[in-house]
Amino acid sequence: MLRLAIPRRVYTQSHMDYVIEAIAQVWQNRESIRGLKIVSEPPYLRHFSAQFDWDEGVSR
């Protein structure tokens, strides 16, 4: 699962083109991308400073 959020700011078409290219690369390499699991997280705003490790339990 991937969360894509675009804040309300002024972005040019080249910014959006870059995002589209990045998403296309992720899609093309989806079979080789492994999952992550959170191993340590602070009580607040965990998405900013959580620590991750590879999740070996993800099966394809």
C-alpha atoms as a PDB file:
ATOM      1  CA  MET A   1       0.000   0.000   0.000  1.00  0.00           C
ATOM      2  CA  LEU A   2       1.247   3.468  -0.833  1.00  0.00           C
ATOM      3  CA  ARG A   3      -0.138   6.754   0.358  1.00  0.00           C
ATOM      4  CA  LEU A   4       0.275   9.644  -2.027  1.00  0.00           C
ATOM      5  CA  ALA A   5      -0.603  13.059  -0.644  1.00  0.00           C
ATOM      6  CA  ILE A   6      -0.194  16.301  -2.538  1.00  0.00           C
ATOM      7  CA  PRO A   7      -0.407  19.347  -0.249  1.00  0.00           C
ATOM      8  CA  ARG A   8      -2.221  22.457  -1.362  1.00  0.00           C
ATOM      9  CA  ARG A   9       0.641  24.486  -2.723  1.00  0.00           C
ATOM     10  CA  VAL A  10       1.678  25.763  -6.088  1.00  0.00           C
ATOM     11  CA  TYR A  11       3.291  23.008  -8.128  1.00  0.00           C
ATOM     12  CA  THR A  12       4.291  23.214 -11.763  1.00  0.00           C
ATOM     13  CA  GLN A  13       3.445  20.645 -14.415  1.00  0.00           C
ATOM     14  CA  SER A  14       7.068  19.449 -14.273  1.00  0.00           C
ATOM     15  CA  HIS A  15       6.583  18.586 -10.590  1.00  0.00           C
ATOM     16  CA  MET A  16       3.524  16.496 -11.430  1.00  0.00           C
ATOM     17  CA  ASP A  17       5.339  14.869 -14.387  1.00  0.00           C
ATOM     18  CA  TYR A  18       8.117  13.830 -11.993  1.00  0.00           C
ATOM     19  CA  VAL A  19       5.587  12.283  -9.595  1.00  0.00           C
ATOM     20  CA  ILE A  20       3.962  10.376 -12.474  1.00  0.00           C
ATOM     21  CA  GLU A  21       7.356   9.039 -13.609  1.00  0.00           C
ATOM     22  CA  ALA A  22       8.200   7.935 -10.052  1.00  0.00           C
ATOM     23  CA  ILE A  23       4.875   6.115  -9.685  1.00  0.00           C
ATOM     24  CA  ALA A  24       5.418   4.415 -13.054  1.00  0.00           C
ATOM     25  CA  GLN A  25       8.857   3.184 -11.910  1.00  0.00           C
ATOM     26  CA  VAL A  26       7.388   1.815  -8.685  1.00  0.00           C
ATOM     27  CA  TRP A  27       4.713  -0.012 -10.697  1.00  0.00           C
ATOM     28  CA  GLN A  28       7.292  -1.467 -13.100  1.00  0.00           C
ATOM     29  CA  ASN A  29       9.418  -2.738 -10.188  1.00  0.00           C
ATOM     30  CA  ARG A  30       6.527  -3.858  -7.970  1.00  0.00           C
ATOM     31  CA  GLU A  31       7.609  -7.510  -7.927  1.00  0.00           C
ATOM     32  CA  SER A  32      11.033  -6.694  -6.492  1.00  0.00           C
ATOM     33  CA  ILE A  33       9.896  -4.164  -3.861  1.00  0.00           C
ATOM     34  CA  ARG A  34       9.785  -5.665  -0.382  1.00  0.00           C
ATOM     35  CA  GLY A  35       7.582  -4.585   2.498  1.00  0.00           C
ATOM     36  CA  LEU A  36       8.651  -2.781   5.654  1.00  0.00           C
ATOM     37  CA  LYS A  37       7.520  -3.086   9.252  1.00  0.00           C
ATOM     38  CA  ILE A  38       7.782  -0.553  12.055  1.00  0.00           C
ATOM     39  CA  VAL A  39      10.243  -1.697  14.743  1.00  0.00           C
ATOM     40  CA  SER A  40      10.322   1.473  16.843  1.00  0.00           C
ATOM     41  CA  GLU A  41       8.001   4.463  16.930  1.00  0.00           C
ATOM     42  CA  PRO A  42       7.512   7.574  19.074  1.00  0.00           C
ATOM     43  CA  PRO A  43       4.123   8.160  20.708  1.00  0.00           C
ATOM     44  CA  TYR A  44       3.347  11.112  18.397  1.00  0.00           C
ATOM     45  CA  LEU A  45       3.960  11.739  14.688  1.00  0.00           C
ATOM     46  CA  ARG A  46       5.374   8.270  14.152  1.00  0.00           C
ATOM     47  CA  HIS A  47       5.555   8.691  10.378  1.00  0.00           C
ATOM     48  CA  PHE A  48       8.335  11.292  10.788  1.00  0.00           C
ATOM     49  CA  SER A  49      10.756   9.373  12.998  1.00  0.00           C
ATOM     50  CA  ALA A  50       9.718   5.718  13.089  1.00  0.00           C
ATOM     51  CA  GLN A  51      12.386   3.088  12.490  1.00  0.00           C
ATOM     52  CA  PHE A  52      11.709   0.354   9.955  1.00  0.00           C
ATOM     53  CA  ASP A  53      13.061  -3.068   9.065  1.00  0.00           C
ATOM     54  CA  TRP A  54      12.391  -5.368   6.118  1.00  0.00           C
ATOM     55  CA  ASP A  55       9.263  -7.480   6.570  1.00  0.00           C
ATOM     56  CA  GLU A  56      10.223 -10.991   5.536  1.00  0.00           C
ATOM     57  CA  GLY A  57       6.649 -12.208   6.077  1.00  0.00           C
ATOM     58  CA  VAL A  58       5.309 -10.503   2.973  1.00  0.00           C
ATOM     59  CA  SER A  59       4.482 -13.062   0.317  1.00  0.00           C
ATOM     60  CA  ARG A  60       3.731 -12.414  -3.322  1.00  0.00           C
END
